[in-house]
């Protein structure tokens, strides 16, 4: 029962510490455009740079190497207290 309530609450959060939190990269880019900042764009680039060493990102329409598996991933956006 508690976990169910927590899951519902998680999906209702749109702001944290007075900052709007995007649910996708596309929404983050739109927030940056509307506010005239690059905060979410910078955060996305930094995260992809940090985790990029674990992945081999292929160009569009490239053939997947033998014994490799295609995986989809997503980013979870959040705001830390005191991170400005």
Protein backbone atom coordinates (compact mmCIF):
# COMPACT_ATOMS: atom_id res chain seq x y z
CA UNK A 1 0.00 0.00 0.00
CA UNK A 2 2.80 2.44 0.89
CA UNK A 3 4.76 1.68 -2.29
CA UNK A 4 1.64 2.21 -4.40
CA UNK A 5 1.12 5.63 -2.79
CA UNK A 6 4.79 6.53 -3.33
CA UNK A 7 4.61 5.60 -7.02
CA UNK A 8 1.55 7.80 -7.52
CA UNK A 9 3.30 10.68 -5.75
CA UNK A 10 6.44 10.23 -7.88
CA UNK A 11 4.52 10.78 -11.11
CA UNK A 12 2.82 13.92 -9.78
CA UNK A 13 6.08 15.78 -9.18
CA UNK A 14 6.63 18.45 -11.81
CA UNK A 15 8.72 20.84 -9.72
CA UNK A 16 11.37 20.51 -7.08
CA UNK A 17 13.09 23.36 -5.24
CA UNK A 18 11.11 25.78 -7.44
CA UNK A 19 12.56 24.29 -10.64
CA UNK A 20 10.41 22.61 -13.30
CA UNK A 21 11.57 19.03 -13.89
CA UNK A 22 11.30 17.60 -17.42
CA UNK A 23 10.17 14.03 -18.05
CA UNK A 24 12.19 13.63 -21.28
CA UNK A 25 15.13 15.14 -23.11
CA UNK A 26 12.73 16.78 -25.56
CA UNK A 27 10.82 18.38 -22.68
CA UNK A 28 14.13 19.53 -21.14
CA UNK A 29 15.12 21.24 -24.39
CA UNK A 30 11.72 22.93 -24.53
CA UNK A 31 12.13 24.17 -20.94
CA UNK A 32 15.55 25.59 -21.82
CA UNK A 33 14.10 27.38 -24.83
CA UNK A 34 11.23 28.85 -22.82
CA UNK A 35 13.45 30.06 -19.96
CA UNK A 36 16.37 31.20 -22.12
CA UNK A 37 18.86 28.97 -20.27
CA UNK A 38 20.90 25.88 -21.12
CA UNK A 39 20.71 24.14 -17.74
CA UNK A 40 18.96 20.95 -18.87
CA UNK A 41 20.95 20.80 -22.11
CA UNK A 42 24.21 21.09 -20.18
CA UNK A 43 23.10 18.46 -17.66
CA UNK A 44 22.13 16.04 -20.45
CA UNK A 45 25.45 16.53 -22.27
CA UNK A 46 27.42 16.06 -19.06
CA UNK A 47 25.56 12.85 -18.18
CA UNK A 48 25.96 11.40 -21.68
CA UNK A 49 29.67 12.25 -21.63
CA UNK A 50 30.10 10.48 -18.28
CA UNK A 51 28.21 7.32 -19.21
CA UNK A 52 29.23 7.31 -22.88
CA UNK A 53 32.39 5.34 -22.14
CA UNK A 54 30.23 2.32 -21.28
CA UNK A 55 28.43 2.34 -24.64
CA UNK A 56 29.39 2.11 -28.27
CA UNK A 57 27.05 4.53 -29.99
CA UNK A 58 26.64 3.65 -33.65
CA UNK A 59 25.71 6.04 -36.45
CA UNK A 60 22.17 5.90 -37.86
CA UNK A 61 21.47 2.82 -39.97
CA UNK A 62 24.80 1.21 -39.06
CA UNK A 63 24.86 -2.57 -38.72
CA UNK A 64 25.09 -3.89 -35.21
CA UNK A 65 28.29 -5.87 -34.53
CA UNK A 66 27.97 -9.61 -33.97
CA UNK A 67 27.07 -10.62 -30.39
CA UNK A 68 25.99 -7.09 -29.46
CA UNK A 69 22.56 -6.23 -28.14
CA UNK A 70 20.58 -3.08 -28.84
CA UNK A 71 19.28 -1.48 -25.66
CA UNK A 72 17.10 1.55 -25.17
CA UNK A 73 17.78 3.87 -22.30
CA UNK A 74 16.21 6.94 -20.76
CA UNK A 75 17.34 9.72 -18.48
CA UNK A 76 15.77 10.51 -15.13
CA UNK A 77 15.89 14.22 -14.40
CA UNK A 78 16.16 15.54 -10.86
CA UNK A 79 17.29 18.60 -8.93
CA UNK A 80 19.68 18.45 -5.99
CA UNK A 81 19.30 20.83 -3.09
CA UNK A 82 21.95 23.55 -3.25
CA UNK A 83 23.14 22.67 -6.77
CA UNK A 84 23.23 26.03 -8.51
